Protein backbone atom coordinates (compact mmCIF):
# COMPACT_ATOMS: atom_id res chain seq x y z
CA MET A 1 0.80 6.96 2.14
CA GLY A 2 2.25 8.49 -1.00
CA ALA A 3 3.12 12.10 -2.04
CA SER A 4 1.10 14.96 -3.58
CA ASN A 5 4.18 16.72 -5.22
CA LEU A 6 5.27 15.06 -8.51
CA ASN A 7 9.03 15.36 -8.76
CA GLU A 8 12.06 13.61 -7.46
CA SER A 9 13.09 16.35 -4.98
CA SER A 10 9.72 16.28 -3.29
CA ALA A 11 10.04 12.41 -3.01
CA ARG A 12 12.87 13.06 -0.54
CA GLN A 13 10.35 14.18 2.04
CA PRO A 14 9.40 11.61 4.81
CA ALA A 15 5.74 11.95 3.83
CA GLN A 16 6.62 10.04 0.53
CA VAL A 17 7.07 6.87 2.66
CA GLY A 18 4.53 7.53 5.27
CA ARG A 19 1.73 9.65 4.19
CA SER A 20 -0.13 11.39 6.99
CA TRP A 21 -3.82 10.61 7.29
CA SER A 22 -4.52 14.32 6.88
CA SER A 23 -1.96 15.14 4.30
CA PRO A 24 -2.72 15.71 0.60
CA PRO A 25 -2.91 12.32 -1.21
CA ARG A 26 -1.81 11.24 -4.76
CA ARG A 27 -3.81 12.72 -7.69
CA LEU A 28 -4.67 9.69 -9.77
CA LEU A 29 -5.16 8.98 -13.36
CA ARG A 30 -7.98 6.82 -14.74
CA GLU A 31 -9.62 6.62 -18.16
CA ILE A 32 -13.37 6.43 -17.97
CA PRO A 33 -14.75 3.14 -19.60
CA GLY A 34 -16.12 3.79 -23.07
CA LYS A 35 -13.81 6.75 -23.68
CA LEU A 36 -10.55 4.85 -24.18
CA THR A 37 -9.03 5.64 -27.59
CA LYS A 38 -7.66 2.64 -29.63
CA PRO A 39 -4.03 3.41 -28.79
CA ILE A 40 -4.80 3.28 -25.07
CA ILE A 41 -6.65 0.09 -25.39
CA LEU A 42 -3.65 -1.35 -27.25
CA SER A 43 -1.38 -0.09 -24.60
CA LEU A 44 -3.43 -1.73 -21.93
CA LEU A 45 -3.26 -5.06 -23.79
CA ILE A 46 0.43 -4.62 -24.02
CA ALA A 47 0.65 -4.05 -20.31
CA ILE A 48 -1.13 -7.27 -19.56
CA ALA A 49 1.11 -9.24 -21.94
CA ALA A 50 4.24 -7.60 -20.43
CA TRP A 51 3.37 -8.84 -16.87
CA PRO A 52 6.47 -10.54 -15.45
CA SER A 53 6.26 -14.36 -15.39
CA ASN A 54 7.49 -14.57 -11.67
CA SER A 55 4.18 -13.43 -10.37
CA ALA A 56 2.80 -16.92 -10.17
CA ALA A 57 5.82 -18.08 -7.92
CA PHE A 58 5.38 -15.03 -5.50
CA GLN A 59 6.31 -15.77 -1.87
CA TRP A 60 7.10 -13.32 0.86
CA PRO A 61 10.80 -13.36 1.16
CA ASP A 62 12.67 -14.38 4.10
CA ALA A 63 12.89 -11.59 6.72
CA SER A 64 15.36 -13.34 9.13
CA HIS A 65 18.41 -11.70 7.74
CA TYR A 66 17.30 -8.71 5.73
CA TRP A 67 14.05 -6.95 6.29
CA ARG A 68 13.77 -3.85 4.10
CA VAL A 69 10.85 -3.38 1.81
CA MET A 70 10.13 -0.29 -0.35
CA VAL A 71 6.84 1.55 -0.25
CA ASN A 72 5.74 4.35 -2.50
CA VAL A 73 8.26 3.93 -5.25
CA ASN A 74 8.12 6.11 -8.44
CA GLN A 75 9.97 6.29 -11.75
CA TYR A 76 12.94 8.08 -10.20
CA ILE A 77 14.21 4.68 -8.96
CA GLU A 78 15.82 4.50 -12.35
CA ASN A 79 18.32 7.32 -11.42
CA ARG A 80 19.77 5.36 -8.38
CA PRO A 81 22.62 2.97 -8.50
CA ARG A 82 21.54 -0.77 -8.94
CA GLU A 83 23.83 -1.78 -6.29
CA TRP A 84 21.57 -0.04 -3.65
CA PHE A 85 18.84 -2.70 -4.28
CA ALA A 86 20.99 -5.77 -4.57
CA GLN A 87 19.36 -7.37 -1.59
CA ASP A 88 15.82 -6.05 -1.95
CA LYS A 89 12.87 -8.24 -3.08
CA ILE A 90 9.76 -6.19 -2.54
CA ILE A 91 8.36 -2.94 -3.86
CA THR A 92 4.79 -2.63 -2.46
CA ASP A 93 3.82 -0.13 -5.16
CA LEU A 94 5.29 1.48 -8.11
CA THR A 95 3.86 4.65 -9.83
CA ILE A 96 4.63 6.81 -12.79
CA LEU A 97 4.11 10.40 -11.74
CA ASP A 98 3.09 13.45 -13.71
CA VAL A 99 1.00 11.64 -16.32
CA LYS A 100 -1.11 13.78 -18.60
CA PRO A 101 -3.77 12.76 -21.19
CA GLY A 102 -1.31 13.39 -24.07
CA ASN A 103 1.40 11.12 -22.50
CA HIS A 104 -0.72 8.31 -21.22
CA SER A 105 0.52 5.76 -23.68
CA ALA A 106 4.11 6.86 -22.98
CA ALA A 107 3.54 6.40 -19.26
CA ILE A 108 2.18 2.86 -19.74
CA GLU A 109 5.27 2.07 -21.83
CA GLN A 110 7.63 3.51 -19.18
CA TYR A 111 5.80 1.71 -16.40
CA ASN A 112 6.10 -1.72 -18.12
CA LYS A 113 9.78 -1.15 -19.16
CA LEU A 114 10.75 -0.17 -15.56
CA ARG A 115 8.72 -3.14 -14.21
CA ARG A 116 10.46 -5.57 -16.45
CA ASP A 117 13.87 -4.18 -15.39
CA LEU A 118 12.97 -4.40 -11.63
CA ALA A 119 11.59 -7.93 -12.11
CA SER A 120 14.79 -8.95 -14.07
CA ARG A 121 16.75 -8.07 -10.87
CA GLY A 122 14.50 -10.32 -8.66
CA LEU A 123 12.17 -7.58 -7.32
CA TYR A 124 8.49 -8.17 -6.92
CA VAL A 125 6.56 -5.00 -7.80
CA GLY A 126 3.11 -4.07 -6.54
CA THR A 127 0.42 -1.50 -7.42
CA TYR A 128 -1.29 1.21 -5.29
CA ILE A 129 -4.90 1.64 -4.70
CA SER A 130 -6.79 3.83 -2.36
CA GLY A 131 -8.88 1.72 -0.15
CA ARG A 132 -11.85 4.05 0.63
CA THR A 133 -11.80 7.23 -1.56
CA VAL A 134 -13.04 8.02 -5.14
CA GLY A 135 -12.43 11.12 -7.13
CA PRO A 136 -12.91 12.72 -10.47
CA ALA A 137 -10.99 11.04 -13.33
CA SER A 138 -9.79 14.53 -14.57
CA ASP A 139 -7.87 14.96 -11.25
CA GLN A 140 -5.90 11.69 -11.75
CA THR A 141 -2.34 12.08 -12.91
CA VAL A 142 -0.45 8.89 -12.32
CA TYR A 143 -0.16 5.44 -13.76
CA PRO A 144 -1.31 2.83 -12.89
CA PRO A 145 -4.54 4.30 -11.78
CA GLY A 146 -4.54 4.57 -7.98
CA SER A 147 -8.25 5.06 -7.25
CA VAL A 148 -11.71 4.16 -8.58
CA PRO A 149 -13.17 7.17 -10.47
CA ILE A 150 -16.28 8.69 -8.97
CA GLU A 151 -17.93 8.69 -12.27
CA GLN A 152 -18.00 4.88 -12.06
CA MET A 153 -19.82 4.87 -8.77
CA PRO A 154 -23.72 4.51 -8.79
CA ALA A 155 -25.89 7.58 -8.25
CA ASN A 156 -27.12 6.30 -4.89
CA ALA A 157 -23.60 5.60 -3.59
CA ARG A 158 -23.18 6.81 0.05
CA TYR A 159 -20.27 8.87 1.31
CA VAL A 160 -19.26 9.99 4.74
CA GLY A 161 -17.51 13.08 3.67
CA SER A 162 -14.60 14.49 1.62
CA TRP A 163 -10.84 14.20 1.97
CA PRO A 164 -9.44 17.16 3.96
CA GLY A 165 -8.77 20.15 1.57
CA GLN A 166 -10.19 18.01 -1.39
CA PRO A 167 -13.98 18.56 -1.53
CA ASP A 168 -14.18 16.43 -4.69
CA ARG A 169 -12.46 13.43 -3.23
CA LYS A 170 -15.15 11.44 -1.45
CA ILE A 171 -14.77 8.85 1.32
CA ILE A 172 -17.03 5.94 0.78
CA ASP A 173 -19.37 4.67 3.48
CA VAL A 174 -17.96 1.21 4.16
CA ARG A 175 -21.12 0.38 6.25
CA ASP A 176 -23.20 0.42 3.05
CA PRO A 177 -22.88 -2.96 1.23
CA ASP A 178 -24.12 -1.60 -2.12
CA THR A 179 -21.62 1.34 -2.06
CA ARG A 180 -18.83 -0.99 -0.89
CA HIS A 181 -19.50 -3.55 -3.68
CA ALA A 182 -19.68 -0.95 -6.30
CA PHE A 183 -16.41 0.54 -5.19
CA GLN A 184 -14.84 -3.00 -5.11
CA ALA A 185 -15.96 -3.67 -8.59
CA GLY A 186 -14.11 -0.70 -9.67
CA ILE A 187 -10.97 -1.92 -7.95
CA LYS A 188 -11.32 -5.33 -9.47
CA GLU A 189 -11.57 -3.74 -13.04
CA LEU A 190 -8.36 -1.66 -12.46
CA TRP A 191 -6.49 -4.73 -11.13
CA VAL A 192 -7.41 -6.91 -14.10
CA ARG A 193 -5.76 -4.25 -16.31
CA ASP A 194 -2.50 -4.27 -14.34
CA PRO A 195 -1.74 -7.66 -12.96
CA ALA A 196 0.72 -7.55 -10.08
CA PRO A 197 1.81 -10.02 -7.22
CA ILE A 198 1.13 -7.43 -4.54
CA ARG A 199 -1.68 -4.88 -4.06
CA PHE A 200 -0.96 -2.00 -1.61
CA ILE A 201 -4.35 -0.59 -0.35
CA ASP A 202 -3.91 2.73 1.21
CA ASN A 203 -6.10 4.49 3.93
CA ALA A 204 -7.94 1.19 4.48
CA ALA A 205 -9.12 1.56 8.06
CA VAL A 206 -8.78 3.67 11.17
CA GLN A 207 -8.64 2.22 14.57
CA PRO A 208 -11.31 3.63 17.02
CA ALA A 209 -8.33 4.17 19.49
CA VAL A 210 -6.75 6.54 16.99
CA VAL A 211 -9.78 8.33 15.44
CA ARG A 212 -13.42 7.80 15.98
CA GLY A 213 -14.63 6.93 12.50
CA GLU A 214 -16.75 4.21 10.93
CA PRO A 215 -17.27 1.01 12.84
CA TRP A 216 -14.27 -1.23 12.94
CA LYS A 217 -16.21 -4.24 11.77
CA ALA A 218 -17.32 -2.33 8.63
CA TYR A 219 -13.65 -1.49 7.79
CA CYS A 220 -12.86 -5.16 8.27
CA ASP A 221 -15.70 -6.17 6.05
CA ASN A 222 -14.35 -3.91 3.26
CA MET A 223 -10.78 -5.17 3.65
CA GLU A 224 -11.80 -8.94 3.64
CA GLU A 225 -13.86 -8.30 0.45
CA ILE A 226 -10.93 -6.51 -1.18
CA ARG A 227 -8.49 -9.20 -0.01
CA LYS A 228 -10.61 -11.92 -1.62
CA ILE A 229 -10.44 -10.05 -4.89
CA ALA A 230 -6.73 -9.86 -4.75
CA GLU A 231 -6.52 -13.59 -3.86
CA SER A 232 -8.77 -14.47 -6.78
CA GLN A 233 -6.18 -12.99 -9.14
CA GLY A 234 -3.23 -14.61 -7.52
CA SER A 235 -2.16 -11.42 -5.60
CA ARG A 236 -1.34 -10.65 -1.95
CA ALA A 237 -2.85 -7.73 -0.33
CA ILE A 238 -1.26 -5.19 2.12
CA PHE A 239 -3.58 -2.88 3.84
CA ASN A 240 -2.26 0.56 5.23
CA ILE A 241 -4.16 1.10 8.53
CA ALA A 242 -3.98 3.75 11.13
CA MET A 243 -3.70 1.98 14.40
CA HIS A 244 -1.88 1.48 17.57
CA VAL A 245 -1.43 -2.39 17.72
CA GLY A 246 -0.99 -2.40 21.32
CA LEU A 247 -4.26 -0.68 22.07
CA SER A 248 -6.33 -2.99 19.92
CA THR A 249 -8.92 -4.99 21.79
CA ASP A 250 -9.22 -8.76 21.59
CA GLU A 251 -12.23 -8.38 19.21
CA GLU A 252 -10.52 -5.88 17.03
CA ALA A 253 -7.59 -8.16 16.64
CA ARG A 254 -9.68 -11.07 15.85
CA GLU A 255 -11.81 -9.22 13.24
CA LEU A 256 -8.58 -7.95 11.65
CA THR A 257 -6.85 -11.32 11.49
CA GLU A 258 -10.00 -12.74 9.88
CA ALA A 259 -10.26 -9.88 7.37
CA ILE A 260 -6.69 -9.85 6.28
CA GLY A 261 -6.05 -13.60 6.15
CA PRO A 262 -2.80 -15.51 6.20
CA ASP A 263 0.02 -14.40 3.81
CA ASN A 264 -1.52 -10.91 3.40
CA GLY A 265 -0.87 -8.12 5.75
CA VAL A 266 -0.82 -4.72 7.15
CA ALA A 267 1.29 -1.65 6.79
CA LEU A 268 1.47 0.55 9.98
CA GLU A 269 2.46 4.27 10.11
CA MET A 270 2.47 4.25 13.99
CA PRO A 271 4.09 0.92 14.60
CA TRP A 272 5.73 1.86 17.95
CA HIS A 273 4.42 5.44 18.73
CA PRO A 274 6.50 7.42 21.16
CA SER A 275 3.55 7.45 23.61
CA ILE A 276 3.62 3.61 23.62
CA GLN A 277 7.49 3.51 24.01
CA LYS A 278 7.26 5.68 27.13
CA SER A 279 5.21 2.87 28.85
CA PRO A 280 6.84 -0.61 29.59
CA GLU A 281 3.34 -2.02 29.98
CA ALA A 282 1.96 -0.59 26.67
CA THR A 283 5.11 -1.76 24.93
CA ALA A 284 4.62 -5.24 26.32
CA LYS A 285 0.99 -5.30 25.12
CA ALA A 286 2.13 -4.17 21.75
CA VAL A 287 4.65 -6.90 21.51
CA ALA A 288 2.16 -9.45 22.56
CA ARG A 289 -0.38 -8.22 19.94
CA TYR A 290 2.37 -8.14 17.11
CA ARG A 291 3.22 -11.76 18.03
CA GLN A 292 -0.46 -12.78 17.83
CA LEU A 293 -0.76 -11.23 14.37
CA LEU A 294 2.49 -12.74 13.11
CA ASP A 295 1.95 -16.18 14.62
CA SER A 296 -1.53 -16.15 12.77
CA GLY A 297 0.40 -15.75 9.55
CA LEU A 298 -0.07 -12.16 8.79
CA VAL A 299 2.65 -10.00 7.16
CA VAL A 300 3.60 -6.86 9.01
CA ILE A 301 5.25 -3.90 7.48
CA MET A 302 6.35 -1.06 9.86
CA ILE A 303 6.73 2.34 8.47
CA PRO A 304 9.37 4.51 10.20
CA THR A 305 8.57 8.21 11.20
CA VAL A 306 10.68 11.14 12.16
CA ASP A 307 9.91 10.29 15.91
CA THR A 308 10.38 6.50 15.47
CA PRO A 309 13.14 5.99 12.81
CA ALA A 310 14.09 2.68 11.28
CA SER A 311 17.04 2.21 13.52
CA THR A 312 14.75 2.47 16.66
CA LEU A 313 12.30 -0.05 15.25
CA SER A 314 15.05 -2.47 14.13
CA ASP A 315 16.56 -2.46 17.57
CA TRP A 316 13.08 -3.13 19.07
CA ILE A 317 11.97 -6.01 16.82
CA ARG A 318 15.46 -7.79 17.19
CA LYS A 319 14.24 -8.36 20.84
CA TRP A 320 11.17 -10.36 19.98
CA LYS A 321 10.85 -11.39 16.37
CA LYS A 322 11.25 -14.90 15.17
CA PRO A 323 13.16 -16.13 12.16
CA THR A 324 9.94 -17.24 10.48
CA ASP A 325 8.18 -13.93 10.80
CA HIS A 326 7.27 -11.98 7.68
CA LEU A 327 7.97 -8.72 9.61
CA TYR A 328 9.54 -5.93 7.53
CA ILE A 329 10.49 -2.21 7.84
CA SER A 330 9.98 0.08 4.99
CA GLY A 331 12.93 2.16 3.52
CA ILE A 332 13.05 4.87 1.12
CA PHE A 333 14.30 4.26 -2.38
CA TRP A 334 16.41 7.35 -2.97
CA LYS A 335 18.87 6.34 -0.18
CA ALA A 336 21.08 3.30 0.01
CA PRO A 337 19.99 1.02 2.76
CA ASP A 338 21.92 1.00 6.04
CA LEU A 339 22.66 -2.67 6.52
CA SER A 340 23.05 -2.13 10.33
CA VAL A 341 19.49 -1.12 10.43
CA TYR A 342 17.80 -3.37 7.86
CA SER A 343 19.75 -6.56 8.37
CA ASP A 344 21.46 -8.79 11.08
CA ARG A 345 24.93 -7.57 10.05
């Protein structure tokens, strides 16, 4: 998820909403503990004090009549007409792009001002974090920080490799409890500094049916532990996962449901892949599995793709969704929502 380019025009590309698992990720800003200047420490305290009061009352909005949520939003939302967002309630993650050391304090102020404005319009605004990668603090250029700095990881931390094209961005070994827990401690520290009702955890897991990676149970252990951190702070967690829901086994579905927990959820970039659409049997299995997840209390965000646009997803879910489902489809913030796609109108 996210975008690697740091300007509004680049945000118009589909990758801004559904980042490919092999595409370049965000470059994230994070100050190393002990190196913060007094102005930055003061800014962080202001950020915490400025946290909108509606966070304590957060509940997932009714999705029976309007089901758009916005994923990967940046400061350029300020340039869009307010009426576009009159019915929206959820921004899973808001980021200030192109942050440099010299304008860090200004970025924090801009972020807090924008969050207050969005909250005043009834929007709940979350934060972004990488769910499995760490990188050098010097490479990070957004606010709030979107990844744990590698400098914070212990010397004996274990990694399974680097992100494609970015040798300094390491992927943690989620099978190793010590590495996992050090990584999660870093996430907790970042979240304490920037309270939010929603935490969007990117690249959290890869289903074996998609790519053979680490054990599914290890991914689920990491997600469950991160979810509990979010819940301890009064937040809800959304995990971006690469998976074909209809191809998940009973065991995978059970482990996922237990890891995510009720009122937390998943964001899926392949919610109804064209290869699944071609098969009535595979589609029926996908519907049955989605119903299992939703009926267990999970939140589901479907992310459209070029091959499976939002209109296709909406036409499909209308056939089997329940009024009580927290089932949403993501939309891009730089275009007005098409109510024929995102609502029952």
